All heavy atoms as atom14 arrays in JSON, in Angstrom:
{
  "sequence": "EIEFLAKGTGSLPAFLKQIRAIPDNWQAPGLTPIQYLNETGILRNHP",
  "atom14_mask": [
    [1, 1, 1, 1, 1, 1, 1, 1, 1, 0, 0, 0, 0, 0],
    [1, 1, 1, 1, 1, 1, 1, 1, 0, 0, 0, 0, 0, 0],
    [1, 1, 1, 1, 1, 1, 1, 1, 1, 0, 0, 0, 0, 0],
    [1, 1, 1, 1, 1, 1, 1, 1, 1, 1, 1, 0, 0, 0],
    [1, 1, 1, 1, 1, 1, 1, 1, 0, 0, 0, 0, 0, 0],
    [1, 1, 1, 1, 1, 0, 0, 0, 0, 0, 0, 0, 0, 0],
    [1, 1, 1, 1, 1, 1, 1, 1, 1, 0, 0, 0, 0, 0],
    [1, 1, 1, 1, 0, 0, 0, 0, 0, 0, 0, 0, 0, 0],
    [1, 1, 1, 1, 1, 1, 1, 0, 0, 0, 0, 0, 0, 0],
    [1, 1, 1, 1, 0, 0, 0, 0, 0, 0, 0, 0, 0, 0],
    [1, 1, 1, 1, 1, 1, 0, 0, 0, 0, 0, 0, 0, 0],
    [1, 1, 1, 1, 1, 1, 1, 1, 0, 0, 0, 0, 0, 0],
    [1, 1, 1, 1, 1, 1, 1, 0, 0, 0, 0, 0, 0, 0],
    [1, 1, 1, 1, 1, 0, 0, 0, 0, 0, 0, 0, 0, 0],
    [1, 1, 1, 1, 1, 1, 1, 1, 1, 1, 1, 0, 0, 0],
    [1, 1, 1, 1, 1, 1, 1, 1, 0, 0, 0, 0, 0, 0],
    [1, 1, 1, 1, 1, 1, 1, 1, 1, 0, 0, 0, 0, 0],
    [1, 1, 1, 1, 1, 1, 1, 1, 1, 0, 0, 0, 0, 0],
    [1, 1, 1, 1, 1, 1, 1, 1, 0, 0, 0, 0, 0, 0],
    [1, 1, 1, 1, 1, 1, 1, 1, 1, 1, 1, 0, 0, 0],
    [1, 1, 1, 1, 1, 0, 0, 0, 0, 0, 0, 0, 0, 0],
    [1, 1, 1, 1, 1, 1, 1, 1, 0, 0, 0, 0, 0, 0],
    [1, 1, 1, 1, 1, 1, 1, 0, 0, 0, 0, 0, 0, 0],
    [1, 1, 1, 1, 1, 1, 1, 1, 0, 0, 0, 0, 0, 0],
    [1, 1, 1, 1, 1, 1, 1, 1, 0, 0, 0, 0, 0, 0],
    [1, 1, 1, 1, 1, 1, 1, 1, 1, 1, 1, 1, 1, 1],
    [1, 1, 1, 1, 1, 1, 1, 1, 1, 0, 0, 0, 0, 0],
    [1, 1, 1, 1, 1, 0, 0, 0, 0, 0, 0, 0, 0, 0],
    [1, 1, 1, 1, 1, 1, 1, 0, 0, 0, 0, 0, 0, 0],
    [1, 1, 1, 1, 0, 0, 0, 0, 0, 0, 0, 0, 0, 0],
    [1, 1, 1, 1, 1, 1, 1, 1, 0, 0, 0, 0, 0, 0],
    [1, 1, 1, 1, 1, 1, 1, 0, 0, 0, 0, 0, 0, 0],
    [1, 1, 1, 1, 1, 1, 1, 0, 0, 0, 0, 0, 0, 0],
    [1, 1, 1, 1, 1, 1, 1, 1, 0, 0, 0, 0, 0, 0],
    [1, 1, 1, 1, 1, 1, 1, 1, 1, 0, 0, 0, 0, 0],
    [1, 1, 1, 1, 1, 1, 1, 1, 1, 1, 1, 1, 0, 0],
    [1, 1, 1, 1, 1, 1, 1, 1, 0, 0, 0, 0, 0, 0],
    [1, 1, 1, 1, 1, 1, 1, 1, 0, 0, 0, 0, 0, 0],
    [1, 1, 1, 1, 1, 1, 1, 1, 1, 0, 0, 0, 0, 0],
    [1, 1, 1, 1, 1, 1, 1, 0, 0, 0, 0, 0, 0, 0],
    [1, 1, 1, 1, 0, 0, 0, 0, 0, 0, 0, 0, 0, 0],
    [1, 1, 1, 1, 1, 1, 1, 1, 0, 0, 0, 0, 0, 0],
    [1, 1, 1, 1, 1, 1, 1, 1, 0, 0, 0, 0, 0, 0],
    [1, 1, 1, 1, 1, 1, 1, 1, 1, 1, 1, 0, 0, 0],
    [1, 1, 1, 1, 1, 1, 1, 1, 0, 0, 0, 0, 0, 0],
    [1, 1, 1, 1, 1, 1, 1, 1, 1, 1, 0, 0, 0, 0],
    [1, 1, 1, 1, 1, 1, 1, 0, 0, 0, 0, 0, 0, 0]
  ],
  "atom14_positions": [
    [[-161.07, 175.59, 215.36], [-161.74, 174.28, 215.31], [-161.75, 173.62, 216.68], [-162.77, 173.04, 217.1], [-161.04, 173.39, 214.29], [-161.6, 171.98, 214.21], [-160.72, 171.07, 213.35], [-160.08, 171.58, 212.4], [-160.67, 169.86, 213.64], [0.0, 0.0, 0.0], [0.0, 0.0, 0.0], [0.0, 0.0, 0.0], [0.0, 0.0, 0.0], [0.0, 0.0, 0.0]],
    [[-160.65, 173.71, 217.39], [-160.55, 173.11, 218.72], [-161.52, 173.78, 219.68], [-162.23, 173.11, 220.45], [-159.09, 173.21, 219.23], [-158.19, 172.31, 218.37], [-159.0, 172.81, 220.7], [-156.71, 172.53, 218.56], [0.0, 0.0, 0.0], [0.0, 0.0, 0.0], [0.0, 0.0, 0.0], [0.0, 0.0, 0.0], [0.0, 0.0, 0.0], [0.0, 0.0, 0.0]],
    [[-161.59, 175.11, 219.61], [-162.53, 175.85, 220.47], [-163.98, 175.53, 220.1], [-164.85, 175.39, 220.97], [-162.28, 177.36, 220.33], [-163.18, 178.2, 221.24], [-162.92, 179.7, 221.1], [-161.92, 180.07, 220.45], [-163.72, 180.5, 221.65], [0.0, 0.0, 0.0], [0.0, 0.0, 0.0], [0.0, 0.0, 0.0], [0.0, 0.0, 0.0], [0.0, 0.0, 0.0]],
    [[-164.24, 175.39, 218.81], [-165.58, 175.07, 218.32], [-166.07, 173.75, 218.89], [-167.21, 173.65, 219.37], [-165.53, 175.01, 216.79], [-166.8, 174.55, 216.12], [-167.87, 175.42, 215.97], [-166.92, 173.25, 215.63], [-169.04, 175.0, 215.34], [-168.08, 172.83, 215.01], [-169.14, 173.71, 214.85], [0.0, 0.0, 0.0], [0.0, 0.0, 0.0], [0.0, 0.0, 0.0]],
    [[-165.22, 172.73, 218.88], [-165.62, 171.41, 219.37], [-165.68, 171.37, 220.9], [-166.54, 170.69, 221.47], [-164.65, 170.35, 218.86], [-164.73, 170.01, 217.38], [-163.6, 169.06, 216.99], [-166.07, 169.4, 217.02], [0.0, 0.0, 0.0], [0.0, 0.0, 0.0], [0.0, 0.0, 0.0], [0.0, 0.0, 0.0], [0.0, 0.0, 0.0], [0.0, 0.0, 0.0]],
    [[-164.78, 172.09, 221.54], [-164.72, 172.04, 223.01], [-165.83, 172.85, 223.67], [-166.46, 172.41, 224.63], [-163.35, 172.53, 223.48], [0.0, 0.0, 0.0], [0.0, 0.0, 0.0], [0.0, 0.0, 0.0], [0.0, 0.0, 0.0], [0.0, 0.0, 0.0], [0.0, 0.0, 0.0], [0.0, 0.0, 0.0], [0.0, 0.0, 0.0], [0.0, 0.0, 0.0]],
    [[-166.07, 174.06, 223.11], [-166.99, 174.99, 223.78], [-168.12, 175.53, 222.9], [-169.06, 176.13, 223.42], [-166.19, 176.19, 224.32], [-165.07, 175.82, 225.28], [-164.28, 177.06, 225.67], [-163.11, 176.72, 226.57], [-162.29, 177.93, 226.88], [0.0, 0.0, 0.0], [0.0, 0.0, 0.0], [0.0, 0.0, 0.0], [0.0, 0.0, 0.0], [0.0, 0.0, 0.0]],
    [[-168.01, 175.38, 221.6], [-169.02, 175.94, 220.7], [-168.91, 177.44, 220.56], [-169.88, 178.11, 220.18], [0.0, 0.0, 0.0], [0.0, 0.0, 0.0], [0.0, 0.0, 0.0], [0.0, 0.0, 0.0], [0.0, 0.0, 0.0], [0.0, 0.0, 0.0], [0.0, 0.0, 0.0], [0.0, 0.0, 0.0], [0.0, 0.0, 0.0], [0.0, 0.0, 0.0]],
    [[-167.72, 177.97, 220.86], [-167.52, 179.43, 220.78], [-166.44, 179.74, 219.74], [-165.87, 178.84, 219.13], [-167.1, 179.99, 222.14], [-165.93, 179.28, 222.6], [-168.2, 179.81, 223.16], [0.0, 0.0, 0.0], [0.0, 0.0, 0.0], [0.0, 0.0, 0.0], [0.0, 0.0, 0.0], [0.0, 0.0, 0.0], [0.0, 0.0, 0.0], [0.0, 0.0, 0.0]],
    [[-166.17, 181.03, 219.57], [-165.13, 181.45, 218.65], [-165.66, 181.88, 217.3], [-166.87, 182.07, 217.11], [0.0, 0.0, 0.0], [0.0, 0.0, 0.0], [0.0, 0.0, 0.0], [0.0, 0.0, 0.0], [0.0, 0.0, 0.0], [0.0, 0.0, 0.0], [0.0, 0.0, 0.0], [0.0, 0.0, 0.0], [0.0, 0.0, 0.0], [0.0, 0.0, 0.0]],
    [[-164.77, 182.01, 216.33], [-165.14, 182.57, 215.03], [-165.91, 181.57, 214.15], [-166.7, 181.97, 213.31], [-163.88, 183.04, 214.28], [-163.02, 181.95, 214.01], [0.0, 0.0, 0.0], [0.0, 0.0, 0.0], [0.0, 0.0, 0.0], [0.0, 0.0, 0.0], [0.0, 0.0, 0.0], [0.0, 0.0, 0.0], [0.0, 0.0, 0.0], [0.0, 0.0, 0.0]],
    [[-165.69, 180.28, 214.33], [-166.33, 179.3, 213.45], [-167.85, 179.26, 213.58], [-168.55, 179.3, 212.56], [-165.74, 177.9, 213.67], [-164.47, 177.59, 212.86], [-163.92, 176.24, 213.25], [-164.76, 177.63, 211.36], [0.0, 0.0, 0.0], [0.0, 0.0, 0.0], [0.0, 0.0, 0.0], [0.0, 0.0, 0.0], [0.0, 0.0, 0.0], [0.0, 0.0, 0.0]],
    [[-168.43, 179.18, 214.8], [-169.9, 179.17, 214.87], [-170.52, 180.44, 214.32], [-171.58, 180.39, 213.66], [-170.19, 178.98, 216.36], [-168.93, 179.29, 217.08], [-167.83, 178.97, 216.12], [0.0, 0.0, 0.0], [0.0, 0.0, 0.0], [0.0, 0.0, 0.0], [0.0, 0.0, 0.0], [0.0, 0.0, 0.0], [0.0, 0.0, 0.0], [0.0, 0.0, 0.0]],
    [[-169.86, 181.57, 214.53], [-170.38, 182.83, 213.98], [-170.37, 182.79, 212.45], [-171.33, 183.21, 211.79], [-169.53, 184.0, 214.48], [0.0, 0.0, 0.0], [0.0, 0.0, 0.0], [0.0, 0.0, 0.0], [0.0, 0.0, 0.0], [0.0, 0.0, 0.0], [0.0, 0.0, 0.0], [0.0, 0.0, 0.0], [0.0, 0.0, 0.0], [0.0, 0.0, 0.0]],
    [[-169.28, 182.27, 211.89], [-169.16, 182.14, 210.44], [-170.22, 181.18, 209.89], [-170.89, 181.47, 208.88], [-167.76, 181.64, 210.09], [-167.6, 181.15, 208.68], [-167.65, 182.02, 207.6], [-167.39, 179.79, 208.43], [-167.5, 181.56, 206.3], [-167.23, 179.32, 207.13], [-167.29, 180.21, 206.07], [0.0, 0.0, 0.0], [0.0, 0.0, 0.0], [0.0, 0.0, 0.0]],
    [[-170.4, 180.04, 210.54], [-171.36, 179.05, 210.07], [-172.8, 179.56, 210.15], [-173.63, 179.24, 209.3], [-171.2, 177.76, 210.88], [-169.88, 177.01, 210.65], [-169.7, 175.92, 211.69], [-169.83, 176.42, 209.25], [0.0, 0.0, 0.0], [0.0, 0.0, 0.0], [0.0, 0.0, 0.0], [0.0, 0.0, 0.0], [0.0, 0.0, 0.0], [0.0, 0.0, 0.0]],
    [[-173.08, 180.36, 211.18], [-174.42, 180.97, 211.27], [-174.62, 181.99, 210.15], [-175.71, 182.09, 209.58], [-174.59, 181.64, 212.64], [-174.79, 180.65, 213.78], [-174.83, 181.35, 215.14], [-174.94, 180.34, 216.27], [-174.89, 180.98, 217.6], [0.0, 0.0, 0.0], [0.0, 0.0, 0.0], [0.0, 0.0, 0.0], [0.0, 0.0, 0.0], [0.0, 0.0, 0.0]],
    [[-173.57, 182.71, 209.85], [-173.64, 183.73, 208.81], [-173.98, 183.11, 207.45], [-174.73, 183.69, 206.66], [-172.32, 184.48, 208.72], [-172.32, 185.67, 207.77], [-171.01, 186.44, 207.81], [-170.15, 186.19, 208.65], [-170.85, 187.38, 206.9], [0.0, 0.0, 0.0], [0.0, 0.0, 0.0], [0.0, 0.0, 0.0], [0.0, 0.0, 0.0], [0.0, 0.0, 0.0]],
    [[-173.45, 181.93, 207.17], [-173.72, 181.28, 205.89], [-174.85, 180.24, 206.0], [-175.1, 179.48, 205.08], [-172.46, 180.62, 205.31], [-171.95, 179.5, 206.23], [-171.37, 181.65, 205.04], [-170.81, 178.68, 205.63], [0.0, 0.0, 0.0], [0.0, 0.0, 0.0], [0.0, 0.0, 0.0], [0.0, 0.0, 0.0], [0.0, 0.0, 0.0], [0.0, 0.0, 0.0]],
    [[-175.51, 180.22, 207.16], [-176.66, 179.36, 207.42], [-176.33, 177.88, 207.23], [-177.08, 177.12, 206.62], [-177.84, 179.74, 206.53], [-178.31, 181.17, 206.76], [-179.46, 181.54, 205.87], [-179.9, 182.91, 206.11], [-180.88, 183.51, 205.44], [-181.54, 182.84, 204.51], [-181.21, 184.76, 205.71], [0.0, 0.0, 0.0], [0.0, 0.0, 0.0], [0.0, 0.0, 0.0]],
    [[-175.19, 177.48, 207.78], [-174.73, 176.1, 207.62], [-174.82, 175.29, 208.89], [-174.55, 174.09, 208.87], [-173.28, 176.1, 207.12], [0.0, 0.0, 0.0], [0.0, 0.0, 0.0], [0.0, 0.0, 0.0], [0.0, 0.0, 0.0], [0.0, 0.0, 0.0], [0.0, 0.0, 0.0], [0.0, 0.0, 0.0], [0.0, 0.0, 0.0], [0.0, 0.0, 0.0]],
    [[-175.22, 175.91, 209.99], [-175.25, 175.21, 211.27], [-176.67, 175.23, 211.84], [-177.34, 176.27, 211.85], [-174.25, 175.85, 212.27], [-174.11, 174.99, 213.53], [-174.62, 177.28, 212.61], [-172.95, 175.42, 214.42], [0.0, 0.0, 0.0], [0.0, 0.0, 0.0], [0.0, 0.0, 0.0], [0.0, 0.0, 0.0], [0.0, 0.0, 0.0], [0.0, 0.0, 0.0]],
    [[-177.18, 174.08, 212.28], [-178.53, 174.05, 212.86], [-178.61, 174.9, 214.13], [-177.63, 175.02, 214.87], [-178.75, 172.56, 213.19], [-177.74, 171.82, 212.37], [-176.58, 172.74, 212.23], [0.0, 0.0, 0.0], [0.0, 0.0, 0.0], [0.0, 0.0, 0.0], [0.0, 0.0, 0.0], [0.0, 0.0, 0.0], [0.0, 0.0, 0.0], [0.0, 0.0, 0.0]],
    [[-179.79, 175.45, 214.38], [-179.97, 176.31, 215.57], [-179.74, 175.55, 216.87], [-179.3, 176.13, 217.87], [-181.39, 176.9, 215.57], [-181.59, 177.89, 214.43], [-180.59, 178.48, 213.96], [-182.75, 178.07, 214.0], [0.0, 0.0, 0.0], [0.0, 0.0, 0.0], [0.0, 0.0, 0.0], [0.0, 0.0, 0.0], [0.0, 0.0, 0.0], [0.0, 0.0, 0.0]],
    [[-180.04, 174.26, 216.86], [-179.92, 173.47, 218.1], [-178.57, 172.74, 218.23], [-178.42, 171.85, 219.06], [-181.06, 172.45, 218.18], [-181.04, 171.45, 217.03], [-180.31, 171.64, 216.05], [-181.86, 170.4, 217.14], [0.0, 0.0, 0.0], [0.0, 0.0, 0.0], [0.0, 0.0, 0.0], [0.0, 0.0, 0.0], [0.0, 0.0, 0.0], [0.0, 0.0, 0.0]],
    [[-177.59, 173.11, 217.38], [-176.29, 172.44, 217.45], [-175.63, 172.71, 218.79], [-175.65, 173.82, 219.3], [-175.37, 172.93, 216.32], [-174.06, 172.2, 216.28], [-173.79, 171.05, 215.62], [-172.85, 172.57, 216.94], [-172.48, 170.67, 215.82], [-171.87, 171.59, 216.64], [-172.48, 173.64, 217.77], [-170.57, 171.64, 217.13], [-171.19, 173.68, 218.26], [-170.25, 172.7, 217.93]],
    [[-175.02, 171.67, 219.36], [-174.32, 171.81, 220.64], [-172.9, 171.25, 220.51], [-172.69, 170.21, 219.87], [-175.07, 171.07, 221.75], [-176.39, 171.73, 222.14], [-177.02, 171.07, 223.34], [-176.8, 169.9, 223.6], [-177.81, 171.83, 224.1], [0.0, 0.0, 0.0], [0.0, 0.0, 0.0], [0.0, 0.0, 0.0], [0.0, 0.0, 0.0], [0.0, 0.0, 0.0]],
    [[-171.97, 171.91, 221.15], [-170.58, 171.46, 221.11], [-170.44, 170.12, 221.83], [-171.02, 169.94, 222.91], [-169.68, 172.49, 221.78], [0.0, 0.0, 0.0], [0.0, 0.0, 0.0], [0.0, 0.0, 0.0], [0.0, 0.0, 0.0], [0.0, 0.0, 0.0], [0.0, 0.0, 0.0], [0.0, 0.0, 0.0], [0.0, 0.0, 0.0], [0.0, 0.0, 0.0]],
    [[-169.7, 169.17, 221.26], [-169.55, 167.86, 221.91], [-168.65, 167.88, 223.13], [-168.63, 166.93, 223.91], [-168.95, 166.99, 220.8], [-168.24, 167.95, 219.91], [-169.05, 169.22, 219.94], [0.0, 0.0, 0.0], [0.0, 0.0, 0.0], [0.0, 0.0, 0.0], [0.0, 0.0, 0.0], [0.0, 0.0, 0.0], [0.0, 0.0, 0.0], [0.0, 0.0, 0.0]],
    [[-167.88, 168.97, 223.31], [-166.97, 169.04, 224.45], [-165.81, 168.07, 224.35], [-165.36, 167.51, 225.36], [0.0, 0.0, 0.0], [0.0, 0.0, 0.0], [0.0, 0.0, 0.0], [0.0, 0.0, 0.0], [0.0, 0.0, 0.0], [0.0, 0.0, 0.0], [0.0, 0.0, 0.0], [0.0, 0.0, 0.0], [0.0, 0.0, 0.0], [0.0, 0.0, 0.0]],
    [[-165.3, 167.87, 223.13], [-164.22, 166.92, 222.88], [-163.09, 167.56, 222.09], [-163.26, 168.59, 221.45], [-164.76, 165.72, 222.08], [-165.89, 164.9, 222.71], [-166.47, 163.93, 221.69], [-165.37, 164.13, 223.93], [0.0, 0.0, 0.0], [0.0, 0.0, 0.0], [0.0, 0.0, 0.0], [0.0, 0.0, 0.0], [0.0, 0.0, 0.0], [0.0, 0.0, 0.0]],
    [[-161.94, 166.92, 222.12], [-160.87, 167.34, 221.22], [-161.18, 166.78, 219.83], [-162.01, 165.87, 219.69], [-159.5, 166.8, 221.67], [-159.5, 165.37, 221.51], [-159.2, 167.16, 223.11], [0.0, 0.0, 0.0], [0.0, 0.0, 0.0], [0.0, 0.0, 0.0], [0.0, 0.0, 0.0], [0.0, 0.0, 0.0], [0.0, 0.0, 0.0], [0.0, 0.0, 0.0]],
    [[-160.53, 167.3, 218.78], [-160.83, 166.8, 217.43], [-160.67, 165.29, 217.27], [-161.53, 164.63, 216.67], [-159.83, 167.57, 216.56], [-159.65, 168.87, 217.27], [-159.66, 168.5, 218.73], [0.0, 0.0, 0.0], [0.0, 0.0, 0.0], [0.0, 0.0, 0.0], [0.0, 0.0, 0.0], [0.0, 0.0, 0.0], [0.0, 0.0, 0.0], [0.0, 0.0, 0.0]],
    [[-159.59, 164.71, 217.79], [-159.37, 163.28, 217.62], [-160.33, 162.47, 218.48], [-160.83, 161.4, 218.07], [-157.91, 162.9, 217.93], [-156.97, 163.58, 216.92], [-157.71, 161.39, 217.9], [-157.2, 163.2, 215.47], [0.0, 0.0, 0.0], [0.0, 0.0, 0.0], [0.0, 0.0, 0.0], [0.0, 0.0, 0.0], [0.0, 0.0, 0.0], [0.0, 0.0, 0.0]],
    [[-160.67, 162.97, 219.67], [-161.69, 162.31, 220.48], [-163.02, 162.27, 219.72], [-163.73, 161.26, 219.73], [-161.88, 163.05, 221.81], [-160.77, 162.85, 222.81], [-160.95, 163.74, 224.05], [-161.62, 164.78, 223.99], [-160.33, 163.34, 225.16], [0.0, 0.0, 0.0], [0.0, 0.0, 0.0], [0.0, 0.0, 0.0], [0.0, 0.0, 0.0], [0.0, 0.0, 0.0]],
    [[-163.33, 163.37, 219.07], [-164.58, 163.47, 218.31], [-164.59, 162.45, 217.16], [-165.56, 161.72, 216.98], [-164.73, 164.89, 217.77], [-165.99, 165.12, 216.97], [-167.23, 165.23, 217.6], [-165.94, 165.26, 215.59], [-168.38, 165.45, 216.87], [-167.09, 165.49, 214.85], [-168.31, 165.58, 215.5], [-169.45, 165.8, 214.76], [0.0, 0.0, 0.0], [0.0, 0.0, 0.0]],
    [[-163.48, 162.39, 216.41], [-163.41, 161.42, 215.31], [-163.52, 160.0, 215.83], [-164.17, 159.14, 215.21], [-162.08, 161.57, 214.56], [-161.92, 162.72, 213.58], [-160.64, 162.54, 212.77], [-163.12, 162.85, 212.64], [0.0, 0.0, 0.0], [0.0, 0.0, 0.0], [0.0, 0.0, 0.0], [0.0, 0.0, 0.0], [0.0, 0.0, 0.0], [0.0, 0.0, 0.0]],
    [[-162.91, 159.74, 216.96], [-162.96, 158.4, 217.53], [-164.39, 157.99, 217.86], [-164.78, 156.84, 217.65], [-162.08, 158.34, 218.79], [-161.6, 156.94, 219.11], [-161.52, 156.08, 218.23], [-161.29, 156.69, 220.37], [0.0, 0.0, 0.0], [0.0, 0.0, 0.0], [0.0, 0.0, 0.0], [0.0, 0.0, 0.0], [0.0, 0.0, 0.0], [0.0, 0.0, 0.0]],
    [[-165.17, 158.93, 218.34], [-166.57, 158.65, 218.67], [-167.41, 158.36, 217.43], [-168.4, 157.65, 217.5], [-167.18, 159.81, 219.47], [-166.77, 159.84, 220.92], [-167.81, 160.51, 221.81], [-168.81, 161.05, 221.28], [-167.63, 160.49, 223.05], [0.0, 0.0, 0.0], [0.0, 0.0, 0.0], [0.0, 0.0, 0.0], [0.0, 0.0, 0.0], [0.0, 0.0, 0.0]],
    [[-167.03, 158.94, 216.3], [-167.8, 158.72, 215.06], [-167.52, 157.35, 214.45], [-168.26, 156.91, 213.57], [-167.49, 159.79, 214.0], [-166.15, 159.59, 213.52], [-167.64, 161.19, 214.55], [0.0, 0.0, 0.0], [0.0, 0.0, 0.0], [0.0, 0.0, 0.0], [0.0, 0.0, 0.0], [0.0, 0.0, 0.0], [0.0, 0.0, 0.0], [0.0, 0.0, 0.0]],
    [[-166.45, 156.69, 214.88], [-166.1, 155.39, 214.32], [-165.21, 155.46, 213.11], [-164.82, 154.43, 212.55], [0.0, 0.0, 0.0], [0.0, 0.0, 0.0], [0.0, 0.0, 0.0], [0.0, 0.0, 0.0], [0.0, 0.0, 0.0], [0.0, 0.0, 0.0], [0.0, 0.0, 0.0], [0.0, 0.0, 0.0], [0.0, 0.0, 0.0], [0.0, 0.0, 0.0]],
    [[-164.86, 156.65, 212.68], [-164.12, 156.77, 211.42], [-162.66, 156.33, 211.55], [-162.03, 155.95, 210.57], [-164.24, 158.21, 210.86], [-164.14, 158.16, 209.34], [-163.19, 159.14, 211.45], [-164.74, 159.35, 208.64], [0.0, 0.0, 0.0], [0.0, 0.0, 0.0], [0.0, 0.0, 0.0], [0.0, 0.0, 0.0], [0.0, 0.0, 0.0], [0.0, 0.0, 0.0]],
    [[-162.14, 156.34, 212.77], [-160.74, 155.95, 212.94], [-160.51, 154.47, 212.68], [-159.37, 154.06, 212.39], [-160.25, 156.32, 214.35], [-160.07, 157.81, 214.64], [-159.48, 158.01, 216.03], [-159.19, 158.49, 213.59], [0.0, 0.0, 0.0], [0.0, 0.0, 0.0], [0.0, 0.0, 0.0], [0.0, 0.0, 0.0], [0.0, 0.0, 0.0], [0.0, 0.0, 0.0]],
    [[-161.55, 153.65, 212.74], [-161.35, 152.22, 212.46], [-161.09, 151.97, 210.97], [-160.71, 150.86, 210.58], [-162.55, 151.4, 212.94], [-163.82, 151.59, 212.14], [-164.89, 150.62, 212.6], [-166.15, 150.83, 211.9], [-167.14, 149.95, 211.88], [-167.02, 148.8, 212.51], [-168.26, 150.23, 211.23], [0.0, 0.0, 0.0], [0.0, 0.0, 0.0], [0.0, 0.0, 0.0]],
    [[-161.31, 152.99, 210.14], [-161.04, 152.88, 208.7], [-159.59, 153.17, 208.34], [-159.26, 153.25, 207.16], [-161.96, 153.84, 207.93], [-163.42, 153.45, 208.02], [-163.83, 152.41, 207.53], [-164.2, 154.28, 208.68], [0.0, 0.0, 0.0], [0.0, 0.0, 0.0], [0.0, 0.0, 0.0], [0.0, 0.0, 0.0], [0.0, 0.0, 0.0], [0.0, 0.0, 0.0]],
    [[-158.73, 153.37, 209.35], [-157.34, 153.77, 209.1], [-157.28, 154.96, 208.14], [-156.61, 154.9, 207.1], [-156.52, 152.6, 208.54], [-156.69, 151.32, 209.28], [-156.37, 151.19, 210.62], [-157.17, 150.11, 208.9], [-156.64, 149.96, 211.02], [-157.12, 149.28, 210.0], [0.0, 0.0, 0.0], [0.0, 0.0, 0.0], [0.0, 0.0, 0.0], [0.0, 0.0, 0.0]],
    [[-157.96, 156.05, 208.49], [-158.09, 157.16, 207.54], [-156.8, 157.95, 207.38], [-155.84, 157.8, 208.14], [-159.16, 158.04, 208.2], [-158.96, 157.8, 209.67], [-158.6, 156.34, 209.77], [0.0, 0.0, 0.0], [0.0, 0.0, 0.0], [0.0, 0.0, 0.0], [0.0, 0.0, 0.0], [0.0, 0.0, 0.0], [0.0, 0.0, 0.0], [0.0, 0.0, 0.0]]
  ]
}
């Protein structure tokens, strides 16, 4: 998961392509998981 978000590489994108769950134009945000959540605004919900 960390590699997926940071670089868009590894086993997860291959798996998601295999099950047709990821858009062709998807790009890695280049963030850590918590940085990514923080950008979505979800952390303000005290999740």
